[in-house]
Amino acid sequence: MSTLLTHAELLALSRPVEPRKRGIYFLIRSGAVVYIGQSAHIMGRISIHAGEGKAFDAWCYVPMEGSMDAAERAYIDALDPELNDDPITRRRRGLPSAATVGRRRIKTGAPR
């Protein structure tokens, strides 16, 4: 076992807790942005993504005040992250919307 850090060394490594980071966040896997989202409490949202099993090994964020919708959309359109699956992104990729897929299942009677 390695030597324990001293109290002073631990304090030197500490960082202040930032109150509710707010902005656009980016989940990164192997050097590529794989998901972009927005949140008024980024740390909590990142924890939720990790608990849901989203595969990422790093993250970053851009702090923002006010509405984040336009900035989030611009980043998604520019970077096209593979895990974003909103209706606009699906349409741009030539995929049917989730609602359309759901209606087809009902019409064809295919199992869900």
N, C-alpha and C. Protein backbone atom coordinates (compact mmCIF):
# COMPACT_ATOMS: atom_id res chain seq x y z
N MET A 1 0.85 -1.19 0.00
CA MET A 1 0.00 0.00 0.00
C MET A 1 0.89 1.24 0.00
N SER A 2 0.47 2.25 -0.76
CA SER A 2 1.26 3.48 -0.84
C SER A 2 1.08 4.30 0.44
N THR A 3 1.93 5.26 0.61
CA THR A 3 1.89 6.13 1.78
C THR A 3 0.65 7.02 1.71
N LEU A 4 -0.01 7.19 2.84
CA LEU A 4 -1.17 8.07 2.90
C LEU A 4 -0.74 9.52 2.75
N LEU A 5 -1.55 10.30 2.10
CA LEU A 5 -1.28 11.72 2.00
C LEU A 5 -1.54 12.39 3.34
N THR A 6 -0.83 13.43 3.61
CA THR A 6 -1.04 14.17 4.85
C THR A 6 -2.26 15.05 4.71
N HIS A 7 -2.71 15.55 5.82
CA HIS A 7 -3.85 16.47 5.83
C HIS A 7 -3.55 17.69 4.94
N ALA A 8 -2.38 18.25 5.06
CA ALA A 8 -1.98 19.41 4.25
C ALA A 8 -1.96 19.07 2.76
N GLU A 9 -1.49 17.88 2.41
CA GLU A 9 -1.46 17.47 1.00
C GLU A 9 -2.88 17.31 0.45
N LEU A 10 -3.76 16.75 1.25
CA LEU A 10 -5.15 16.61 0.82
C LEU A 10 -5.79 17.98 0.60
N LEU A 11 -5.55 18.89 1.52
CA LEU A 11 -6.10 20.23 1.37
C LEU A 11 -5.54 20.93 0.13
N ALA A 12 -4.28 20.70 -0.18
CA ALA A 12 -3.67 21.30 -1.36
C ALA A 12 -4.32 20.77 -2.65
N LEU A 13 -4.81 19.54 -2.63
CA LEU A 13 -5.47 18.94 -3.79
C LEU A 13 -6.95 19.30 -3.90
N SER A 14 -7.51 19.85 -2.85
CA SER A 14 -8.95 20.11 -2.83
C SER A 14 -9.34 21.23 -3.78
N ARG A 15 -10.56 21.19 -4.24
CA ARG A 15 -11.13 22.22 -5.10
C ARG A 15 -12.45 22.66 -4.48
N PRO A 16 -12.80 23.91 -4.59
CA PRO A 16 -14.07 24.37 -4.02
C PRO A 16 -15.26 23.73 -4.72
N VAL A 17 -16.30 23.48 -3.98
CA VAL A 17 -17.54 22.96 -4.56
C VAL A 17 -18.21 24.13 -5.28
N GLU A 18 -18.48 23.93 -6.55
CA GLU A 18 -19.12 24.99 -7.32
C GLU A 18 -20.63 24.83 -7.22
N PRO A 19 -21.31 25.89 -6.85
CA PRO A 19 -22.77 25.77 -6.74
C PRO A 19 -23.40 25.56 -8.10
N ARG A 20 -24.16 24.55 -8.20
CA ARG A 20 -25.00 24.27 -9.38
C ARG A 20 -24.47 24.81 -10.69
N LYS A 21 -23.51 24.12 -11.23
CA LYS A 21 -22.99 24.51 -12.55
C LYS A 21 -24.14 24.46 -13.55
N ARG A 22 -24.26 25.48 -14.37
CA ARG A 22 -25.35 25.61 -15.33
C ARG A 22 -24.77 25.85 -16.71
N GLY A 23 -25.24 25.11 -17.70
CA GLY A 23 -24.77 25.35 -19.05
C GLY A 23 -24.96 24.16 -19.97
N ILE A 24 -24.19 24.15 -21.05
CA ILE A 24 -24.20 23.07 -22.03
C ILE A 24 -23.06 22.12 -21.67
N TYR A 25 -23.38 20.82 -21.57
CA TYR A 25 -22.33 19.85 -21.23
C TYR A 25 -22.11 18.87 -22.37
N PHE A 26 -20.92 18.29 -22.38
CA PHE A 26 -20.48 17.41 -23.45
C PHE A 26 -19.94 16.13 -22.84
N LEU A 27 -20.51 14.99 -23.19
CA LEU A 27 -19.97 13.71 -22.76
C LEU A 27 -18.99 13.24 -23.84
N ILE A 28 -17.83 12.78 -23.41
CA ILE A 28 -16.75 12.44 -24.33
C ILE A 28 -16.33 10.99 -24.13
N ARG A 29 -16.11 10.29 -25.23
CA ARG A 29 -15.60 8.92 -25.17
C ARG A 29 -14.46 8.79 -26.17
N SER A 30 -13.32 8.35 -25.69
CA SER A 30 -12.14 8.15 -26.55
C SER A 30 -11.83 9.37 -27.40
N GLY A 31 -11.95 10.54 -26.82
CA GLY A 31 -11.59 11.76 -27.52
C GLY A 31 -12.65 12.32 -28.44
N ALA A 32 -13.85 11.72 -28.48
CA ALA A 32 -14.92 12.21 -29.34
C ALA A 32 -16.14 12.60 -28.51
N VAL A 33 -16.77 13.72 -28.85
CA VAL A 33 -18.01 14.12 -28.18
C VAL A 33 -19.11 13.16 -28.63
N VAL A 34 -19.73 12.46 -27.67
CA VAL A 34 -20.76 11.48 -28.02
C VAL A 34 -22.17 11.92 -27.59
N TYR A 35 -22.25 12.94 -26.74
CA TYR A 35 -23.56 13.43 -26.30
C TYR A 35 -23.44 14.87 -25.86
N ILE A 36 -24.46 15.67 -26.19
CA ILE A 36 -24.52 17.07 -25.78
C ILE A 36 -25.87 17.29 -25.11
N GLY A 37 -25.86 17.96 -23.97
CA GLY A 37 -27.09 18.29 -23.26
C GLY A 37 -26.97 19.62 -22.56
N GLN A 38 -28.04 20.00 -21.90
CA GLN A 38 -28.05 21.23 -21.13
C GLN A 38 -28.65 20.95 -19.77
N SER A 39 -28.22 21.70 -18.78
CA SER A 39 -28.76 21.48 -17.45
C SER A 39 -28.49 22.69 -16.56
N ALA A 40 -29.40 22.89 -15.61
CA ALA A 40 -29.20 23.91 -14.59
C ALA A 40 -28.39 23.35 -13.44
N HIS A 41 -28.15 22.03 -13.44
CA HIS A 41 -27.37 21.37 -12.39
C HIS A 41 -26.56 20.26 -13.06
N ILE A 42 -25.48 20.65 -13.71
CA ILE A 42 -24.71 19.74 -14.57
C ILE A 42 -24.17 18.53 -13.80
N MET A 43 -23.63 18.73 -12.61
CA MET A 43 -23.04 17.61 -11.87
C MET A 43 -24.08 16.51 -11.63
N GLY A 44 -25.29 16.90 -11.25
CA GLY A 44 -26.35 15.92 -11.04
C GLY A 44 -26.72 15.21 -12.32
N ARG A 45 -26.77 15.95 -13.41
CA ARG A 45 -27.15 15.36 -14.70
C ARG A 45 -26.08 14.38 -15.20
N ILE A 46 -24.81 14.72 -15.01
CA ILE A 46 -23.72 13.82 -15.40
C ILE A 46 -23.84 12.51 -14.61
N SER A 47 -24.15 12.62 -13.31
CA SER A 47 -24.32 11.42 -12.48
C SER A 47 -25.45 10.55 -12.99
N ILE A 48 -26.53 11.18 -13.42
CA ILE A 48 -27.67 10.41 -13.96
C ILE A 48 -27.24 9.67 -15.23
N HIS A 49 -26.54 10.35 -16.13
CA HIS A 49 -26.08 9.69 -17.36
C HIS A 49 -25.18 8.50 -17.03
N ALA A 50 -24.28 8.67 -16.08
CA ALA A 50 -23.39 7.56 -15.70
C ALA A 50 -24.21 6.40 -15.15
N GLY A 51 -25.22 6.69 -14.33
CA GLY A 51 -26.07 5.65 -13.77
C GLY A 51 -26.92 4.94 -14.80
N GLU A 52 -27.26 5.64 -15.89
CA GLU A 52 -28.06 5.05 -16.97
C GLU A 52 -27.21 4.19 -17.90
N GLY A 53 -25.90 4.22 -17.71
CA GLY A 53 -25.03 3.39 -18.52
C GLY A 53 -24.53 4.04 -19.79
N LYS A 54 -24.71 5.36 -19.95
CA LYS A 54 -24.14 6.02 -21.13
C LYS A 54 -22.63 5.86 -21.07
N ALA A 55 -22.04 5.46 -22.16
CA ALA A 55 -20.60 5.20 -22.20
C ALA A 55 -19.83 6.48 -22.49
N PHE A 56 -19.13 7.00 -21.47
CA PHE A 56 -18.26 8.15 -21.65
C PHE A 56 -17.14 8.07 -20.63
N ASP A 57 -16.00 8.66 -20.99
CA ASP A 57 -14.85 8.60 -20.07
C ASP A 57 -14.36 9.99 -19.66
N ALA A 58 -15.03 11.04 -20.15
CA ALA A 58 -14.69 12.40 -19.76
C ALA A 58 -15.89 13.29 -20.06
N TRP A 59 -15.86 14.48 -19.52
CA TRP A 59 -16.91 15.45 -19.82
C TRP A 59 -16.37 16.85 -19.63
N CYS A 60 -17.04 17.82 -20.24
CA CYS A 60 -16.72 19.23 -20.04
C CYS A 60 -18.02 20.01 -20.19
N TYR A 61 -17.96 21.30 -19.89
CA TYR A 61 -19.16 22.11 -20.06
C TYR A 61 -18.79 23.54 -20.38
N VAL A 62 -19.76 24.24 -20.97
CA VAL A 62 -19.65 25.66 -21.26
C VAL A 62 -20.68 26.35 -20.38
N PRO A 63 -20.24 27.19 -19.43
CA PRO A 63 -21.21 27.87 -18.57
C PRO A 63 -22.11 28.79 -19.38
N MET A 64 -23.38 28.85 -19.01
CA MET A 64 -24.33 29.71 -19.71
C MET A 64 -25.37 30.24 -18.74
N GLU A 65 -25.84 31.42 -19.02
CA GLU A 65 -26.97 32.02 -18.32
C GLU A 65 -28.11 32.16 -19.31
N GLY A 66 -29.32 32.26 -18.83
CA GLY A 66 -30.46 32.43 -19.72
C GLY A 66 -30.80 31.16 -20.46
N SER A 67 -31.51 31.31 -21.57
CA SER A 67 -31.94 30.17 -22.37
C SER A 67 -30.75 29.48 -23.02
N MET A 68 -30.75 28.17 -22.98
CA MET A 68 -29.65 27.39 -23.53
C MET A 68 -30.05 26.63 -24.80
N ASP A 69 -31.31 26.69 -25.17
CA ASP A 69 -31.82 25.88 -26.28
C ASP A 69 -31.07 26.12 -27.59
N ALA A 70 -30.90 27.38 -27.99
CA ALA A 70 -30.25 27.68 -29.27
C ALA A 70 -28.79 27.23 -29.28
N ALA A 71 -28.10 27.46 -28.18
CA ALA A 71 -26.68 27.06 -28.11
C ALA A 71 -26.55 25.54 -28.15
N GLU A 72 -27.42 24.84 -27.41
CA GLU A 72 -27.38 23.37 -27.42
C GLU A 72 -27.62 22.85 -28.83
N ARG A 73 -28.62 23.40 -29.50
CA ARG A 73 -28.95 22.97 -30.87
C ARG A 73 -27.77 23.22 -31.81
N ALA A 74 -27.14 24.39 -31.67
CA ALA A 74 -26.00 24.72 -32.54
C ALA A 74 -24.85 23.73 -32.33
N TYR A 75 -24.57 23.38 -31.08
CA TYR A 75 -23.51 22.40 -30.82
C TYR A 75 -23.87 21.03 -31.37
N ILE A 76 -25.12 20.60 -31.19
CA ILE A 76 -25.55 19.30 -31.70
C ILE A 76 -25.44 19.27 -33.23
N ASP A 77 -25.89 20.34 -33.88
CA ASP A 77 -25.82 20.40 -35.34
C ASP A 77 -24.37 20.40 -35.83
N ALA A 78 -23.49 21.10 -35.11
CA ALA A 78 -22.09 21.20 -35.54
C ALA A 78 -21.31 19.92 -35.30
N LEU A 79 -21.58 19.24 -34.17
CA LEU A 79 -20.77 18.08 -33.78
C LEU A 79 -21.42 16.73 -34.05
N ASP A 80 -22.74 16.70 -34.25
CA ASP A 80 -23.49 15.48 -34.55
C ASP A 80 -23.09 14.31 -33.64
N PRO A 81 -23.24 14.45 -32.33
CA PRO A 81 -22.83 13.37 -31.42
C PRO A 81 -23.74 12.15 -31.56
N GLU A 82 -23.12 10.97 -31.55
CA GLU A 82 -23.84 9.74 -31.86
C GLU A 82 -24.96 9.39 -30.90
N LEU A 83 -24.90 9.82 -29.64
CA LEU A 83 -25.93 9.43 -28.67
C LEU A 83 -27.10 10.40 -28.60
N ASN A 84 -27.03 11.56 -29.24
CA ASN A 84 -28.18 12.46 -29.27
C ASN A 84 -29.20 11.88 -30.25
N ASP A 85 -30.46 11.80 -29.81
CA ASP A 85 -31.49 11.13 -30.60
C ASP A 85 -32.78 11.93 -30.59
N ASP A 86 -32.68 13.25 -30.70
CA ASP A 86 -33.86 14.10 -30.70
C ASP A 86 -34.47 14.13 -32.11
N PRO A 87 -35.72 14.59 -32.24
CA PRO A 87 -36.39 14.56 -33.55
C PRO A 87 -35.64 15.32 -34.66
N ILE A 88 -35.07 16.47 -34.35
CA ILE A 88 -34.35 17.24 -35.38
C ILE A 88 -33.12 16.47 -35.86
N THR A 89 -32.38 15.90 -34.93
CA THR A 89 -31.19 15.13 -35.29
C THR A 89 -31.56 13.88 -36.08
N ARG A 90 -32.64 13.20 -35.67
CA ARG A 90 -33.09 12.01 -36.40
C ARG A 90 -33.46 12.37 -37.84
N ARG A 91 -34.18 13.47 -38.00
CA ARG A 91 -34.60 13.91 -39.35
C ARG A 91 -33.37 14.24 -40.19
N ARG A 92 -32.38 14.93 -39.62
CA ARG A 92 -31.17 15.29 -40.36
C ARG A 92 -30.40 14.03 -40.78
N ARG A 93 -30.46 12.99 -39.95
CA ARG A 93 -29.76 11.73 -40.27
C ARG A 93 -30.59 10.84 -41.20
N GLY A 94 -31.81 11.27 -41.54
CA GLY A 94 -32.65 10.48 -42.43
C GLY A 94 -33.35 9.34 -41.73
N LEU A 95 -33.48 9.42 -40.41
CA LEU A 95 -34.15 8.38 -39.64
C LEU A 95 -35.59 8.78 -39.35
N PRO A 96 -36.50 7.82 -39.21
CA PRO A 96 -37.88 8.18 -38.85
C PRO A 96 -37.92 8.68 -37.41
N SER A 97 -38.90 9.52 -37.13
CA SER A 97 -39.05 10.00 -35.75
C SER A 97 -39.48 8.85 -34.86
N ALA A 98 -39.23 8.98 -33.58
CA ALA A 98 -39.63 7.93 -32.63
C ALA A 98 -41.14 7.74 -32.66
N ALA A 99 -41.90 8.83 -32.82
CA ALA A 99 -43.36 8.73 -32.88
C ALA A 99 -43.80 7.95 -34.11
N THR A 100 -43.16 8.19 -35.25
CA THR A 100 -43.48 7.46 -36.48
C THR A 100 -43.18 5.98 -36.31
N VAL A 101 -42.04 5.66 -35.73
CA VAL A 101 -41.69 4.26 -35.49
C VAL A 101 -42.74 3.62 -34.59
N GLY A 102 -43.19 4.33 -33.57
CA GLY A 102 -44.22 3.80 -32.67
C GLY A 102 -45.52 3.53 -33.39
N ARG A 103 -45.94 4.45 -34.27
CA ARG A 103 -47.19 4.24 -35.03
C ARG A 103 -47.08 3.05 -35.95
N ARG A 104 -45.93 2.86 -36.58
CA ARG A 104 -45.75 1.73 -37.47
C ARG A 104 -45.87 0.42 -36.71
N ARG A 105 -45.34 0.36 -35.54
CA ARG A 105 -45.44 -0.86 -34.73
C ARG A 105 -46.90 -1.18 -34.45
N ILE A 106 -47.67 -0.14 -34.13
CA ILE A 106 -49.08 -0.36 -33.81
C ILE A 106 -49.82 -0.82 -35.05
N LYS A 107 -49.59 -0.18 -36.20
CA LYS A 107 -50.28 -0.54 -37.44
C LYS A 107 -49.94 -1.94 -37.90
N THR A 108 -48.67 -2.33 -37.78
CA THR A 108 -48.28 -3.63 -38.29
C THR A 108 -48.51 -4.74 -37.26
N GLY A 109 -48.73 -4.33 -36.04
CA GLY A 109 -48.91 -5.33 -34.99
C GLY A 109 -47.61 -5.99 -34.57
N ALA A 110 -46.48 -5.42 -34.99
CA ALA A 110 -45.18 -6.01 -34.62
C ALA A 110 -44.97 -5.87 -33.12
N PRO A 111 -44.32 -6.84 -32.51
CA PRO A 111 -44.09 -6.76 -31.07
C PRO A 111 -43.21 -5.59 -30.71
N ARG A 112 -43.44 -5.06 -29.54
CA ARG A 112 -42.65 -3.94 -29.06
C ARG A 112 -41.38 -4.41 -28.43
